[in-house]
Amino acid sequence: SYYYEKRDNLMLGTVCIVKKKFFDISSELDSAIWC
């Protein structure tokens, strides 16, 4: 866990392993990249 003071959030850190493919991004995002 990480505390994000600016927004008073308790952020619970995870690692997500995914199948690699092209993104199908939501309208919430402006862009996404693989790096």
PDB file of all heavy atoms in Angstrom:
ATOM      1  N   SER A   1       0.834  -1.204   0.000  1.00  0.00           N
ATOM      2  CA  SER A   1       0.000   0.000   0.000  1.00  0.00           C
ATOM      3  C   SER A   1       0.869   1.255   0.000  1.00  0.00           C
ATOM      4  O   SER A   1       2.007   1.245   0.468  1.00  0.00           O
ATOM      5  CB  SER A   1      -0.932   0.006   1.211  1.00  0.00           C
ATOM      6  OG  SER A   1      -0.185   0.012   2.407  1.00  0.00           O
ATOM      7  N   TYR A   2       0.288   2.328  -0.551  1.00  0.00           N
ATOM      8  CA  TYR A   2       0.948   3.632  -0.632  1.00  0.00           C
ATOM      9  C   TYR A   2      -0.097   4.682  -0.264  1.00  0.00           C
ATOM     10  O   TYR A   2      -1.239   4.597  -0.705  1.00  0.00           O
ATOM     11  CB  TYR A   2       1.426   3.919  -2.061  1.00  0.00           C
ATOM     12  CG  TYR A   2       2.292   2.836  -2.656  1.00  0.00           C
ATOM     13  CD1 TYR A   2       1.715   1.754  -3.327  1.00  0.00           C
ATOM     14  CD2 TYR A   2       3.676   2.891  -2.555  1.00  0.00           C
ATOM     15  CE1 TYR A   2       2.501   0.760  -3.878  1.00  0.00           C
ATOM     16  CE2 TYR A   2       4.467   1.895  -3.112  1.00  0.00           C
ATOM     17  CZ  TYR A   2       3.874   0.839  -3.765  1.00  0.00           C
ATOM     18  OH  TYR A   2       4.653  -0.149  -4.314  1.00  0.00           O
ATOM     19  N   TYR A   3       0.308   5.667   0.520  1.00  0.00           N
ATOM     20  CA  TYR A   3      -0.627   6.741   0.855  1.00  0.00           C
ATOM     21  C   TYR A   3      -0.377   7.925  -0.067  1.00  0.00           C
ATOM     22  O   TYR A   3       0.749   8.408  -0.183  1.00  0.00           O
ATOM     23  CB  TYR A   3      -0.476   7.174   2.314  1.00  0.00           C
ATOM     24  CG  TYR A   3      -1.447   8.274   2.673  1.00  0.00           C
ATOM     25  CD1 TYR A   3      -2.819   8.036   2.682  1.00  0.00           C
ATOM     26  CD2 TYR A   3      -1.005   9.548   2.958  1.00  0.00           C
ATOM     27  CE1 TYR A   3      -3.723   9.045   2.976  1.00  0.00           C
ATOM     28  CE2 TYR A   3      -1.904  10.568   3.262  1.00  0.00           C
ATOM     29  CZ  TYR A   3      -3.255  10.307   3.269  1.00  0.00           C
ATOM     30  OH  TYR A   3      -4.142  11.312   3.553  1.00  0.00           O
ATOM     31  N   TYR A   4      -1.423   8.393  -0.738  1.00  0.00           N
ATOM     32  CA  TYR A   4      -1.351   9.530  -1.652  1.00  0.00           C
ATOM     33  C   TYR A   4      -1.984  10.727  -0.950  1.00  0.00           C
ATOM     34  O   TYR A   4      -3.201  10.916  -1.000  1.00  0.00           O
ATOM     35  CB  TYR A   4      -2.066   9.187  -2.952  1.00  0.00           C
ATOM     36  CG  TYR A   4      -1.975  10.239  -4.032  1.00  0.00           C
ATOM     37  CD1 TYR A   4      -0.804  10.961  -4.263  1.00  0.00           C
ATOM     38  CD2 TYR A   4      -3.070  10.506  -4.841  1.00  0.00           C
ATOM     39  CE1 TYR A   4      -0.736  11.911  -5.266  1.00  0.00           C
ATOM     40  CE2 TYR A   4      -3.004  11.460  -5.851  1.00  0.00           C
ATOM     41  CZ  TYR A   4      -1.831  12.157  -6.052  1.00  0.00           C
ATOM     42  OH  TYR A   4      -1.769  13.104  -7.046  1.00  0.00           O
ATOM     43  N   GLU A   5      -1.149  11.508  -0.304  1.00  0.00           N
ATOM     44  CA  GLU A   5      -1.616  12.597   0.551  1.00  0.00           C
ATOM     45  C   GLU A   5      -2.401  13.654  -0.219  1.00  0.00           C
ATOM     46  O   GLU A   5      -3.412  14.167   0.272  1.00  0.00           O
ATOM     47  CB  GLU A   5      -0.426  13.250   1.262  1.00  0.00           C
ATOM     48  CG  GLU A   5      -0.829  14.298   2.260  1.00  0.00           C
ATOM     49  CD  GLU A   5       0.339  14.838   3.055  1.00  0.00           C
ATOM     50  OE1 GLU A   5       1.503  14.511   2.762  1.00  0.00           O
ATOM     51  OE2 GLU A   5       0.075  15.617   3.982  1.00  0.00           O
ATOM     52  N   LYS A   6      -1.970  13.970  -1.430  1.00  0.00           N
ATOM     53  CA  LYS A   6      -2.610  15.035  -2.203  1.00  0.00           C
ATOM     54  C   LYS A   6      -4.120  14.813  -2.355  1.00  0.00           C
ATOM     55  O   LYS A   6      -4.900  15.753  -2.314  1.00  0.00           O
ATOM     56  CB  LYS A   6      -1.944  15.131  -3.581  1.00  0.00           C
ATOM     57  CG  LYS A   6      -2.493  16.217  -4.465  1.00  0.00           C
ATOM     58  CD  LYS A   6      -1.733  16.269  -5.794  1.00  0.00           C
ATOM     59  CE  LYS A   6      -2.313  17.289  -6.735  1.00  0.00           C
ATOM     60  NZ  LYS A   6      -1.626  17.294  -8.024  1.00  0.00           N
ATOM     61  N   ARG A   7      -4.543  13.574  -2.526  1.00  0.00           N
ATOM     62  CA  ARG A   7      -5.967  13.265  -2.718  1.00  0.00           C
ATOM     63  C   ARG A   7      -6.557  12.450  -1.565  1.00  0.00           C
ATOM     64  O   ARG A   7      -7.686  11.994  -1.652  1.00  0.00           O
ATOM     65  CB  ARG A   7      -6.167  12.502  -4.012  1.00  0.00           C
ATOM     66  CG  ARG A   7      -5.659  13.246  -5.216  1.00  0.00           C
ATOM     67  CD  ARG A   7      -6.723  13.361  -6.246  1.00  0.00           C
ATOM     68  NE  ARG A   7      -6.140  13.869  -7.475  1.00  0.00           N
ATOM     69  CZ  ARG A   7      -6.479  15.011  -8.005  1.00  0.00           C
ATOM     70  NH1 ARG A   7      -7.373  15.765  -7.434  1.00  0.00           N
ATOM     71  NH2 ARG A   7      -5.917  15.417  -9.122  1.00  0.00           N
ATOM     72  N   ASP A   8      -5.767  12.251  -0.501  1.00  0.00           N
ATOM     73  CA  ASP A   8      -6.203  11.468   0.657  1.00  0.00           C
ATOM     74  C   ASP A   8      -6.702  10.086   0.225  1.00  0.00           C
ATOM     75  O   ASP A   8      -7.794   9.655   0.578  1.00  0.00           O
ATOM     76  CB  ASP A   8      -7.287  12.206   1.455  1.00  0.00           C
ATOM     77  CG  ASP A   8      -7.562  11.524   2.808  1.00  0.00           C
ATOM     78  OD1 ASP A   8      -6.663  10.859   3.345  1.00  0.00           O
ATOM     79  OD2 ASP A   8      -8.699  11.658   3.315  1.00  0.00           O
ATOM     80  N   ASN A   9      -5.864   9.396  -0.568  1.00  0.00           N
ATOM     81  CA  ASN A   9      -6.203   8.052  -1.030  1.00  0.00           C
ATOM     82  C   ASN A   9      -5.224   7.037  -0.469  1.00  0.00           C
ATOM     83  O   ASN A   9      -4.026   7.302  -0.408  1.00  0.00           O
ATOM     84  CB  ASN A   9      -6.125   7.937  -2.556  1.00  0.00           C
ATOM     85  CG  ASN A   9      -7.160   8.765  -3.270  1.00  0.00           C
ATOM     86  OD1 ASN A   9      -6.831   9.544  -4.140  1.00  0.00           O
ATOM     87  ND2 ASN A   9      -8.412   8.602  -2.913  1.00  0.00           N
ATOM     88  N   LEU A  10      -5.743   5.899  -0.089  1.00  0.00           N
ATOM     89  CA  LEU A  10      -4.911   4.752   0.223  1.00  0.00           C
ATOM     90  C   LEU A  10      -4.843   3.947  -1.067  1.00  0.00           C
ATOM     91  O   LEU A  10      -5.845   3.382  -1.513  1.00  0.00           O
ATOM     92  CB  LEU A  10      -5.513   3.914   1.353  1.00  0.00           C
ATOM     93  CG  LEU A  10      -4.710   2.669   1.718  1.00  0.00           C
ATOM     94  CD1 LEU A  10      -3.303   3.053   2.185  1.00  0.00           C
ATOM     95  CD2 LEU A  10      -5.444   1.870   2.778  1.00  0.00           C
ATOM     96  N   MET A  11      -3.676   3.952  -1.699  1.00  0.00           N
ATOM     97  CA  MET A  11      -3.500   3.271  -2.983  1.00  0.00           C
ATOM     98  C   MET A  11      -2.902   1.899  -2.733  1.00  0.00           C
ATOM     99  O   MET A  11      -1.833   1.779  -2.132  1.00  0.00           O
ATOM    100  CB  MET A  11      -2.615   4.097  -3.902  1.00  0.00           C
ATOM    101  CG  MET A  11      -3.199   5.474  -4.166  1.00  0.00           C
ATOM    102  SD  MET A  11      -2.400   6.342  -5.510  1.00  0.00           S
ATOM    103  CE  MET A  11      -3.217   5.566  -6.896  1.00  0.00           C
ATOM    104  N   LEU A  12      -3.602   0.878  -3.200  1.00  0.00           N
ATOM    105  CA  LEU A  12      -3.172  -0.496  -3.008  1.00  0.00           C
ATOM    106  C   LEU A  12      -2.495  -0.960  -4.299  1.00  0.00           C
ATOM    107  O   LEU A  12      -3.140  -1.120  -5.331  1.00  0.00           O
ATOM    108  CB  LEU A  12      -4.373  -1.362  -2.637  1.00  0.00           C
ATOM    109  CG  LEU A  12      -5.099  -0.830  -1.383  1.00  0.00           C
ATOM    110  CD1 LEU A  12      -6.415  -1.548  -1.170  1.00  0.00           C
ATOM    111  CD2 LEU A  12      -4.213  -0.917  -0.167  1.00  0.00           C
ATOM    112  N   GLY A  13      -1.183  -1.110  -4.218  1.00  0.00           N
ATOM    113  CA  GLY A  13      -0.375  -1.400  -5.399  1.00  0.00           C
ATOM    114  C   GLY A  13      -0.474  -2.840  -5.842  1.00  0.00           C
ATOM    115  O   GLY A  13      -0.359  -3.763  -5.034  1.00  0.00           O
ATOM    116  N   THR A  14      -0.687  -3.022  -7.148  1.00  0.00           N
ATOM    117  CA  THR A  14      -0.774  -4.355  -7.733  1.00  0.00           C
ATOM    118  C   THR A  14       0.097  -4.426  -8.972  1.00  0.00           C
ATOM    119  O   THR A  14       0.423  -3.410  -9.579  1.00  0.00           O
ATOM    120  CB  THR A  14      -2.223  -4.701  -8.137  1.00  0.00           C
ATOM    121  OG1 THR A  14      -2.658  -3.768  -9.132  1.00  0.00           O
ATOM    122  CG2 THR A  14      -3.162  -4.667  -6.952  1.00  0.00           C
ATOM    123  N   VAL A  15       0.451  -5.649  -9.327  1.00  0.00           N
ATOM    124  CA  VAL A  15       1.093  -5.923 -10.614  1.00  0.00           C
ATOM    125  C   VAL A  15       0.117  -6.792 -11.383  1.00  0.00           C
ATOM    126  O   VAL A  15      -0.338  -7.827 -10.877  1.00  0.00           O
ATOM    127  CB  VAL A  15       2.445  -6.643 -10.438  1.00  0.00           C
ATOM    128  CG1 VAL A  15       3.019  -7.046 -11.790  1.00  0.00           C
ATOM    129  CG2 VAL A  15       3.416  -5.758  -9.677  1.00  0.00           C
ATOM    130  N   CYS A  16      -0.229  -6.364 -12.587  1.00  0.00           N
ATOM    131  CA  CYS A  16      -1.146  -7.121 -13.451  1.00  0.00           C
ATOM    132  C   CYS A  16      -0.373  -7.629 -14.657  1.00  0.00           C
ATOM    133  O   CYS A  16       0.177  -6.834 -15.418  1.00  0.00           O
ATOM    134  CB  CYS A  16      -2.300  -6.236 -13.924  1.00  0.00           C
ATOM    135  SG  CYS A  16      -3.424  -5.760 -12.604  1.00  0.00           S
ATOM    136  N   ILE A  17      -0.329  -8.931 -14.793  1.00  0.00           N
ATOM    137  CA  ILE A  17       0.284  -9.549 -15.971  1.00  0.00           C
ATOM    138  C   ILE A  17      -0.823  -9.702 -17.012  1.00  0.00           C
ATOM    139  O   ILE A  17      -1.900 -10.221 -16.707  1.00  0.00           O
ATOM    140  CB  ILE A  17       0.910 -10.917 -15.635  1.00  0.00           C
ATOM    141  CG1 ILE A  17       1.882 -10.791 -14.456  1.00  0.00           C
ATOM    142  CG2 ILE A  17       1.588 -11.514 -16.871  1.00  0.00           C
ATOM    143  CD1 ILE A  17       3.005  -9.790 -14.638  1.00  0.00           C
ATOM    144  N   VAL A  18      -0.557  -9.217 -18.226  1.00  0.00           N
ATOM    145  CA  VAL A  18      -1.579  -9.196 -19.275  1.00  0.00           C
ATOM    146  C   VAL A  18      -1.068  -9.851 -20.550  1.00  0.00           C
ATOM    147  O   VAL A  18       0.134  -9.931 -20.783  1.00  0.00           O
ATOM    148  CB  VAL A  18      -2.016  -7.742 -19.603  1.00  0.00           C
ATOM    149  CG1 VAL A  18      -2.634  -7.067 -18.381  1.00  0.00           C
ATOM    150  CG2 VAL A  18      -0.867  -6.925 -20.158  1.00  0.00           C
ATOM    151  N   LYS A  19      -2.004 -10.294 -21.373  1.00  0.00           N
ATOM    152  CA  LYS A  19      -1.683 -10.746 -22.731  1.00  0.00           C
ATOM    153  C   LYS A  19      -1.359  -9.497 -23.543  1.00  0.00           C
ATOM    154  O   LYS A  19      -2.115  -8.535 -23.537  1.00  0.00           O
ATOM    155  CB  LYS A  19      -2.883 -11.457 -23.352  1.00  0.00           C
ATOM    156  CG  LYS A  19      -3.209 -12.761 -22.706  1.00  0.00           C
ATOM    157  CD  LYS A  19      -2.800 -13.873 -23.613  1.00  0.00           C
ATOM    158  CE  LYS A  19      -3.225 -15.193 -23.001  1.00  0.00           C
ATOM    159  NZ  LYS A  19      -2.426 -16.274 -23.510  1.00  0.00           N
ATOM    160  N   LYS A  20      -0.227  -9.514 -24.230  1.00  0.00           N
ATOM    161  CA  LYS A  20       0.156  -8.342 -25.018  1.00  0.00           C
ATOM    162  C   LYS A  20      -0.655  -8.280 -26.303  1.00  0.00           C
ATOM    163  O   LYS A  20      -0.745  -9.261 -27.042  1.00  0.00           O
ATOM    164  CB  LYS A  20       1.632  -8.354 -25.362  1.00  0.00           C
ATOM    165  CG  LYS A  20       1.975  -7.093 -26.146  1.00  0.00           C
ATOM    166  CD  LYS A  20       3.404  -6.836 -26.316  1.00  0.00           C
ATOM    167  CE  LYS A  20       3.551  -5.548 -27.117  1.00  0.00           C
ATOM    168  NZ  LYS A  20       4.884  -5.263 -27.468  1.00  0.00           N
ATOM    169  N   LYS A  21      -1.247  -7.135 -26.529  1.00  0.00           N
ATOM    170  CA  LYS A  21      -1.954  -6.864 -27.780  1.00  0.00           C
ATOM    171  C   LYS A  21      -2.086  -5.354 -27.911  1.00  0.00           C
ATOM    172  O   LYS A  21      -1.642  -4.606 -27.041  1.00  0.00           O
ATOM    173  CB  LYS A  21      -3.313  -7.566 -27.818  1.00  0.00           C
ATOM    174  CG  LYS A  21      -4.326  -7.019 -26.837  1.00  0.00           C
ATOM    175  CD  LYS A  21      -5.687  -7.656 -27.054  1.00  0.00           C
ATOM    176  CE  LYS A  21      -6.751  -6.820 -26.396  1.00  0.00           C
ATOM    177  NZ  LYS A  21      -8.090  -7.127 -26.792  1.00  0.00           N
ATOM    178  N   PHE A  22      -2.698  -4.911 -28.994  1.00  0.00           N
ATOM    179  CA  PHE A  22      -2.942  -3.485 -29.161  1.00  0.00           C
ATOM    180  C   PHE A  22      -3.974  -3.037 -28.141  1.00  0.00           C
ATOM    181  O   PHE A  22      -4.867  -3.795 -27.759  1.00  0.00           O
ATOM    182  CB  PHE A  22      -3.436  -3.181 -30.581  1.00  0.00           C
ATOM    183  CG  PHE A  22      -2.385  -3.381 -31.630  1.00  0.00           C
ATOM    184  CD1 PHE A  22      -2.465  -4.456 -32.497  1.00  0.00           C
ATOM    185  CD2 PHE A  22      -1.325  -2.493 -31.748  1.00  0.00           C
ATOM    186  CE1 PHE A  22      -1.500  -4.660 -33.462  1.00  0.00           C
ATOM    187  CE2 PHE A  22      -0.353  -2.684 -32.715  1.00  0.00           C
ATOM    188  CZ  PHE A  22      -0.427  -3.770 -33.567  1.00  0.00           C
ATOM    189  N   PHE A  23      -3.852  -1.800 -27.717  1.00  0.00           N
ATOM    190  CA  PHE A  23      -4.773  -1.255 -26.733  1.00  0.00           C
ATOM    191  C   PHE A  23      -6.122  -0.932 -27.361  1.00  0.00           C
ATOM    192  O   PHE A  23      -6.200  -0.554 -28.523  1.00  0.00           O
ATOM    193  CB  PHE A  23      -4.216   0.044 -26.134  1.00  0.00           C
ATOM    194  CG  PHE A  23      -2.887  -0.117 -25.462  1.00  0.00           C
ATOM    195  CD1 PHE A  23      -1.751   0.494 -25.979  1.00  0.00           C
ATOM    196  CD2 PHE A  23      -2.762  -0.862 -24.306  1.00  0.00           C
ATOM    197  CE1 PHE A  23      -0.522   0.366 -25.368  1.00  0.00           C
ATOM    198  CE2 PHE A  23      -1.535  -1.012 -23.677  1.00  0.00           C
ATOM    199  CZ  PHE A  23      -0.418  -0.393 -24.208  1.00  0.00           C
ATOM    200  N   ASP A  24      -7.136  -1.056 -26.559  1.00  0.00           N
ATOM    201  CA  ASP A  24      -8.475  -0.576 -26.885  1.00  0.00           C
ATOM    202  C   ASP A  24      -8.824   0.363 -25.723  1.00  0.00           C
ATOM    203  O   ASP A  24      -9.503  -0.041 -24.774  1.00  0.00           O
ATOM    204  CB  ASP A  24      -9.461  -1.741 -26.993  1.00  0.00           C
ATOM    205  CG  ASP A  24     -10.869  -1.279 -27.329  1.00  0.00           C
ATOM    206  OD1 ASP A  24     -11.040  -0.113 -27.757  1.00  0.00           O
ATOM    207  OD2 ASP A  24     -11.805  -2.081 -27.141  1.00  0.00           O
ATOM    208  N   ILE A  25      -8.313   1.606 -25.797  1.00  0.00           N
ATOM    209  CA  ILE A  25      -8.388   2.488 -24.631  1.00  0.00           C
ATOM    210  C   ILE A  25      -9.783   3.087 -24.443  1.00  0.00           C
ATOM    211  O   ILE A  25     -10.510   3.317 -25.393  1.00  0.00           O
ATOM    212  CB  ILE A  25      -7.316   3.607 -24.666  1.00  0.00           C
ATOM    213  CG1 ILE A  25      -7.532   4.585 -25.793  1.00  0.00           C
ATOM    214  CG2 ILE A  25      -5.921   3.009 -24.716  1.00  0.00           C
ATOM    215  CD1 ILE A  25      -6.628   5.810 -25.731  1.00  0.00           C
ATOM    216  N   SER A  26     -10.077   3.330 -23.180  1.00  0.00           N
ATOM    217  CA  SER A  26     -11.363   3.929 -22.827  1.00  0.00           C
ATOM    218  C   SER A  26     -11.323   5.434 -23.073  1.00  0.00           C
ATOM    219  O   SER A  26     -10.249   6.025 -23.264  1.00  0.00           O
ATOM    220  CB  SER A  26     -11.696   3.652 -21.361  1.00  0.00           C
ATOM    221  OG  SER A  26     -10.995   4.540 -20.503  1.00  0.00           O
ATOM    222  N   SER A  27     -12.480   6.040 -23.001  1.00  0.00           N
ATOM    223  CA  SER A  27     -12.566   7.498 -23.189  1.00  0.00           C
ATOM    224  C   SER A  27     -11.932   8.263 -22.028  1.00  0.00           C
ATOM    225  O   SER A  27     -11.713   9.463 -22.127  1.00  0.00           O
ATOM    226  CB  SER A  27     -14.024   7.923 -23.367  1.00  0.00           C
ATOM    227  OG  SER A  27     -14.774   7.564 -22.217  1.00  0.00           O
ATOM    228  N   GLU A  28     -11.617   7.577 -20.929  1.00  0.00           N
ATOM    229  CA  GLU A  28     -10.943   8.215 -19.791  1.00  0.00           C
ATOM    230  C   GLU A  28      -9.484   8.555 -20.110  1.00  0.00           C
ATOM    231  O   GLU A  28      -8.891   9.382 -19.434  1.00  0.00           O
ATOM    232  CB  GLU A  28     -10.928   7.289 -18.568  1.00  0.00           C
ATOM    233  CG  GLU A  28     -12.253   7.050 -17.911  1.00  0.00           C
ATOM    234  CD  GLU A  28     -12.103   6.147 -16.688  1.00  0.00           C
ATOM    235  OE1 GLU A  28     -11.145   6.339 -15.916  1.00  0.00           O
ATOM    236  OE2 GLU A  28     -12.937   5.256 -16.519  1.00  0.00           O
ATOM    237  N   LEU A  29      -8.913   7.878 -21.105  1.00  0.00           N
ATOM    238  CA  LEU A  29      -7.496   8.031 -21.412  1.00  0.00           C
ATOM    239  C   LEU A  29      -7.299   8.883 -22.652  1.00  0.00           C
ATOM    240  O   LEU A  29      -8.124   8.895 -23.556  1.00  0.00           O
ATOM    241  CB  LEU A  29      -6.848   6.665 -21.660  1.00  0.00           C
ATOM    242  CG  LEU A  29      -7.011   5.592 -20.591  1.00  0.00           C
ATOM    243  CD1 LEU A  29      -6.193   4.366 -20.981  1.00  0.00           C
ATOM    244  CD2 LEU A  29      -6.624   6.086 -19.220  1.00  0.00           C
ATOM    245  N   ASP A  30      -6.145   9.557 -22.677  1.00  0.00           N
ATOM    246  CA  ASP A  30      -5.749  10.273 -23.883  1.00  0.00           C
ATOM    247  C   ASP A  30      -4.803   9.427 -24.721  1.00  0.00           C
ATOM    248  O   ASP A  30      -4.792   9.547 -25.934  1.00  0.00           O
ATOM    249  CB  ASP A  30      -5.097  11.611 -23.503  1.00  0.00           C
ATOM    250  CG  ASP A  30      -6.123  12.554 -22.915  1.00  0.00           C
ATOM    251  OD1 ASP A  30      -7.037  12.965 -23.645  1.00  0.00           O
ATOM    252  OD2 ASP A  30      -6.038  12.854 -21.706  1.00  0.00           O
ATOM    253  N   SER A  31      -4.008   8.574 -24.058  1.00  0.00           N
ATOM    254  CA  SER A  31      -3.126   7.667 -24.801  1.00  0.00           C
ATOM    255  C   SER A  31      -2.607   6.578 -23.873  1.00  0.00           C
ATOM    256  O   SER A  31      -2.705   6.676 -22.655  1.00  0.00           O
ATOM    257  CB  SER A  31      -1.952   8.433 -25.429  1.00  0.00           C
ATOM    258  OG  SER A  31      -1.135   8.998 -24.424  1.00  0.00           O
ATOM    259  N   ALA A  32      -2.028   5.552 -24.496  1.00  0.00           N
ATOM    260  CA  ALA A  32      -1.386   4.457 -23.767  1.00  0.00           C
ATOM    261  C   ALA A  32      -0.222   3.977 -24.617  1.00  0.00           C
ATOM    262  O   ALA A  32      -0.279   4.039 -25.847  1.00  0.00           O
ATOM    263  CB  ALA A  32      -2.372   3.329 -23.512  1.00  0.00           C
ATOM    264  N   ILE A  33       0.825   3.522 -23.952  1.00  0.00           N
ATOM    265  CA  ILE A  33       2.004   3.028 -24.673  1.00  0.00           C
ATOM    266  C   ILE A  33       2.556   1.782 -24.001  1.00  0.00           C
ATOM    267  O   ILE A  33       2.387   1.584 -22.805  1.00  0.00           O
ATOM    268  CB  ILE A  33       3.129   4.091 -24.745  1.00  0.00           C
ATOM    269  CG1 ILE A  33       3.602   4.491 -23.345  1.00  0.00           C
ATOM    270  CG2 ILE A  33       2.702   5.304 -25.537  1.00  0.00           C
ATOM    271  CD1 ILE A  33       4.896   5.282 -23.310  1.00  0.00           C
ATOM    272  N   TRP A  34       3.216   0.958 -24.819  1.00  0.00           N
ATOM    273  CA  TRP A  34       4.066  -0.115 -24.297  1.00  0.00           C
ATOM    274  C   TRP A  34       5.479   0.437 -24.269  1.00  0.00           C
ATOM    275  O   TRP A  34       5.910   1.084 -25.229  1.00  0.00           O
ATOM    276  CB  TRP A  34       4.029  -1.340 -25.213  1.00  0.00           C
ATOM    277  CG  TRP A  34       2.791  -2.164 -25.121  1.00  0.00           C
ATOM    278  CD1 TRP A  34       1.825  -2.287 -26.062  1.00  0.00           C
ATOM    279  CD2 TRP A  34       2.396  -2.995 -24.033  1.00  0.00           C
ATOM    280  NE1 TRP A  34       0.842  -3.143 -25.634  1.00  0.00           N
ATOM    281  CE2 TRP A  34       1.174  -3.597 -24.372  1.00  0.00           C
ATOM    282  CE3 TRP A  34       2.953  -3.280 -22.780  1.00  0.00           C
ATOM    283  CZ2 TRP A  34       0.494  -4.476 -23.529  1.00  0.00           C
ATOM    284  CZ3 TRP A  34       2.277  -4.159 -21.941  1.00  0.00           C
ATOM    285  CH2 TRP A  34       1.074  -4.743 -22.310  1.00  0.00           C
ATOM    286  N   CYS A  35       6.209   0.195 -23.207  1.00  0.00           N
ATOM    287  CA  CYS A  35       7.605   0.646 -23.143  1.00  0.00           C
ATOM    288  C   CYS A  35       8.418  -0.343 -22.322  1.00  0.00           C
ATOM    289  O   CYS A  35       7.871  -1.078 -21.500  1.00  0.00           O
ATOM    290  CB  CYS A  35       7.702   2.049 -22.554  1.00  0.00           C
ATOM    291  SG  CYS A  35       7.014   2.224 -20.912  1.00  0.00           S
TER     292      CYS A  35
END
